[in-house]
């Protein structure tokens, strides 16, 4: 077995040499390859990206309103569409817009450097919005107005109204008024 192994290694080298073209290494080349140590490349880890500084109260108030506005506008439009007896296709389209706005709201609430005072209610609002999302998605696929309304009612159980009211109070914003989004 021992004598067969070197023969296979030599044959493998020969086969490998055939597949890559003629080998013309001289004794000097082989000696140089043995004498030259391989270079080791080392990389240092990238420095950590610093977290952005928390927003001021005024900046946070403006950012909060900008984040929640698309959802609030979509919700008010959906409510008007339902009350107006629009066809299910229109209702589904409105519900899909609410679902998309809710998804964006969740992402922006999570990715903003909020002041310490509002972090807990922001997290609570984001969690409630996340719980509502499956219902919004089902509403967007509902076959009948009644089925859509049932999903909207389920989503409304996770409206985050308590957290939103606290955020508005802490950011010195006026109370929510649906007329602002109609």
Protein backbone atom coordinates (compact mmCIF):
# COMPACT_ATOMS: atom_id res chain seq x y z
CA UNK A 1 0.00 0.00 0.00
CA UNK A 2 2.84 2.41 0.89
CA UNK A 3 4.53 1.96 -2.46
CA UNK A 4 1.31 2.46 -4.33
CA UNK A 5 0.58 5.85 -2.65
CA UNK A 6 3.71 7.65 -3.98
CA UNK A 7 2.99 6.23 -7.41
CA UNK A 8 -0.57 7.59 -7.32
CA UNK A 9 0.67 10.98 -6.12
CA UNK A 10 3.20 11.08 -8.97
CA UNK A 11 0.52 10.03 -11.44
CA UNK A 12 -1.86 12.65 -10.08
CA UNK A 13 0.76 15.33 -10.47
CA UNK A 14 1.41 14.19 -13.99
CA UNK A 15 -2.32 14.16 -14.81
CA UNK A 16 -2.73 17.55 -13.20
CA UNK A 17 0.20 18.84 -15.19
CA UNK A 18 -1.33 17.56 -18.42
CA UNK A 19 -4.62 19.29 -17.81
CA UNK A 20 -3.01 22.67 -17.25
CA UNK A 21 -0.48 22.59 -20.11
CA UNK A 22 3.20 21.81 -20.18
CA UNK A 23 5.16 22.19 -16.99
CA UNK A 24 8.55 23.83 -17.51
CA UNK A 25 9.74 24.38 -13.97
CA UNK A 26 13.48 24.30 -13.55
CA UNK A 27 15.40 23.19 -10.51
CA UNK A 28 16.03 26.86 -9.70
CA UNK A 29 12.29 27.60 -9.82
CA UNK A 30 11.55 24.70 -7.46
CA UNK A 31 14.27 25.81 -5.07
CA UNK A 32 12.94 29.38 -5.15
CA UNK A 33 9.41 28.19 -4.39
CA UNK A 34 10.63 26.21 -1.42
CA UNK A 35 12.80 29.06 -0.10
CA UNK A 36 10.07 31.76 -0.44
CA UNK A 37 7.65 31.62 2.48
CA UNK A 38 3.98 32.22 1.73
CA UNK A 39 2.76 35.70 2.60
CA UNK A 40 -0.01 35.84 5.18
CA UNK A 41 -2.61 38.51 4.69
CA UNK A 42 -4.27 39.74 7.83
CA UNK A 43 -7.21 42.07 8.04
CA UNK A 44 -8.38 43.94 11.04
CA UNK A 45 -12.10 44.13 11.77
CA UNK A 46 -13.89 47.26 10.67
CA UNK A 47 -14.49 49.73 13.46
CA UNK A 48 -18.04 49.60 14.81
CA UNK A 49 -20.47 52.03 13.26
CA UNK A 50 -21.48 54.55 15.90
CA UNK A 51 -25.16 54.72 16.73
CA UNK A 52 -26.82 57.97 15.76
CA UNK A 53 -27.47 60.40 18.55
CA UNK A 54 -31.05 60.39 19.85
CA UNK A 55 -33.34 62.99 18.36
CA UNK A 56 -34.27 66.06 20.35
CA UNK A 57 -37.87 66.26 21.58
CA UNK A 58 -38.78 68.64 18.76
CA UNK A 59 -37.06 66.48 16.11
CA UNK A 60 -38.74 63.38 17.54
CA UNK A 61 -42.15 65.06 17.41
CA UNK A 62 -41.73 65.93 13.74
CA UNK A 63 -40.34 62.49 12.93
CA UNK A 64 -43.16 60.74 14.77
CA UNK A 65 -45.82 62.69 12.88
CA UNK A 66 -44.12 61.96 9.56
CA UNK A 67 -43.94 58.24 10.38
CA UNK A 68 -47.56 57.77 11.46
CA UNK A 69 -49.18 60.08 8.89
CA UNK A 70 -49.33 57.58 5.97
CA UNK A 71 -50.94 54.95 8.21
CA UNK A 72 -53.42 57.41 9.71
CA UNK A 73 -54.37 58.79 6.28
CA UNK A 74 -54.79 55.28 4.89
CA UNK A 75 -56.91 54.25 7.84
CA UNK A 76 -59.22 57.24 7.50
CA UNK A 77 -59.60 56.60 3.75
CA UNK A 78 -60.43 52.95 4.38
CA UNK A 79 -63.00 53.92 6.99
CA UNK A 80 -64.65 56.33 4.51
CA UNK A 81 -64.58 53.67 1.79
CA UNK A 82 -66.28 51.14 4.08
CA UNK A 83 -68.88 53.67 5.24
CA UNK A 84 -69.46 54.71 1.63
CA UNK A 85 -70.27 51.15 0.60
CA UNK A 86 -67.55 50.96 -2.03
CA UNK A 87 -67.07 47.64 -3.87
CA UNK A 88 -64.87 45.00 -2.28
CA UNK A 89 -62.09 45.56 -4.84
CA UNK A 90 -61.77 49.19 -3.73
CA UNK A 91 -61.89 48.17 -0.09
CA UNK A 92 -59.15 45.58 -0.65
CA UNK A 93 -57.00 48.18 -2.36
CA UNK A 94 -57.44 50.57 0.57
CA UNK A 95 -56.70 47.80 3.06
CA UNK A 96 -53.54 46.89 1.13
CA UNK A 97 -52.40 50.52 1.39
CA UNK A 98 -53.02 50.46 5.14
CA UNK A 99 -51.03 47.21 5.43
CA UNK A 100 -48.11 48.74 3.47
CA UNK A 101 -48.21 51.92 5.56
CA UNK A 102 -48.33 49.86 8.75
CA UNK A 103 -45.30 47.82 7.66
CA UNK A 104 -43.38 51.03 6.89
CA UNK A 105 -44.47 52.54 10.19
CA UNK A 106 -43.14 49.54 12.12
CA UNK A 107 -39.79 49.72 10.32
CA UNK A 108 -39.40 53.48 10.85
CA UNK A 109 -40.42 53.30 14.51
CA UNK A 110 -37.76 50.64 15.07
CA UNK A 111 -35.02 52.39 13.08
CA UNK A 112 -35.23 55.84 14.63
CA UNK A 113 -33.00 57.02 17.49
CA UNK A 114 -35.77 58.16 19.82
CA UNK A 115 -35.21 60.20 23.00
CA UNK A 116 -35.10 57.99 26.07
CA UNK A 117 -38.43 59.29 27.39
CA UNK A 118 -40.43 57.89 24.45
CA UNK A 119 -38.58 54.65 23.73
CA UNK A 120 -40.90 52.43 25.80
CA UNK A 121 -44.18 53.70 24.31
CA UNK A 122 -42.62 53.70 20.82
CA UNK A 123 -41.69 50.05 21.33
CA UNK A 124 -45.22 49.31 22.56
CA UNK A 125 -46.76 51.03 19.53
CA UNK A 126 -44.46 49.08 17.22
CA UNK A 127 -45.42 45.81 18.93
CA UNK A 128 -49.13 46.54 18.60
CA UNK A 129 -48.68 47.51 14.95
CA UNK A 130 -46.85 44.24 14.37
CA UNK A 131 -49.73 42.30 15.94
CA UNK A 132 -52.21 44.12 13.67
CA UNK A 133 -50.28 43.42 10.46
CA UNK A 134 -51.63 39.89 9.76
CA UNK A 135 -55.19 41.22 9.99
CA UNK A 136 -54.41 44.06 7.57
CA UNK A 137 -52.95 41.56 5.13
CA UNK A 138 -56.02 39.34 5.41
CA UNK A 139 -58.29 42.37 4.94
CA UNK A 140 -56.42 43.14 1.73
CA UNK A 141 -57.30 39.63 0.46
CA UNK A 142 -60.89 39.46 1.72
CA UNK A 143 -63.51 38.24 -0.76
CA UNK A 144 -66.45 40.15 0.71
CA UNK A 145 -66.95 43.48 2.46
CA UNK A 146 -68.16 41.64 5.57
CA UNK A 147 -65.00 39.52 5.72
CA UNK A 148 -62.85 42.62 5.21
CA UNK A 149 -64.66 44.48 7.98
CA UNK A 150 -64.10 41.54 10.36
CA UNK A 151 -60.34 41.67 9.70
CA UNK A 152 -60.30 45.46 10.14
CA UNK A 153 -62.06 45.07 13.49
CA UNK A 154 -59.49 42.48 14.56
CA UNK A 155 -56.66 44.82 13.51
CA UNK A 156 -58.26 47.67 15.44
CA UNK A 157 -57.80 45.70 18.68
CA UNK A 158 -54.10 46.41 18.19
CA UNK A 159 -54.31 50.09 17.32
CA UNK A 160 -51.77 51.12 19.97
CA UNK A 161 -53.98 54.03 21.00
CA UNK A 162 -52.69 54.10 24.60
CA UNK A 163 -49.07 54.10 23.50
CA UNK A 164 -49.75 56.69 20.79
CA UNK A 165 -51.50 58.98 23.27
CA UNK A 166 -48.53 58.69 25.64
CA UNK A 167 -46.06 59.41 22.84
CA UNK A 168 -48.03 62.48 21.81
CA UNK A 169 -48.13 63.71 25.40
CA UNK A 170 -44.39 63.16 25.94
CA UNK A 171 -43.54 64.85 22.64
CA UNK A 172 -45.90 67.74 23.48
CA UNK A 173 -48.12 67.09 20.47
CA UNK A 174 -51.85 67.68 20.27
CA UNK A 175 -54.16 64.72 20.81
CA UNK A 176 -54.96 62.61 17.77
CA UNK A 177 -57.76 64.09 15.69
CA UNK A 178 -59.01 62.01 12.79
CA UNK A 179 -60.00 65.20 10.96
CA UNK A 180 -56.28 65.95 10.58
CA UNK A 181 -55.98 62.87 8.35
CA UNK A 182 -59.27 62.95 6.42
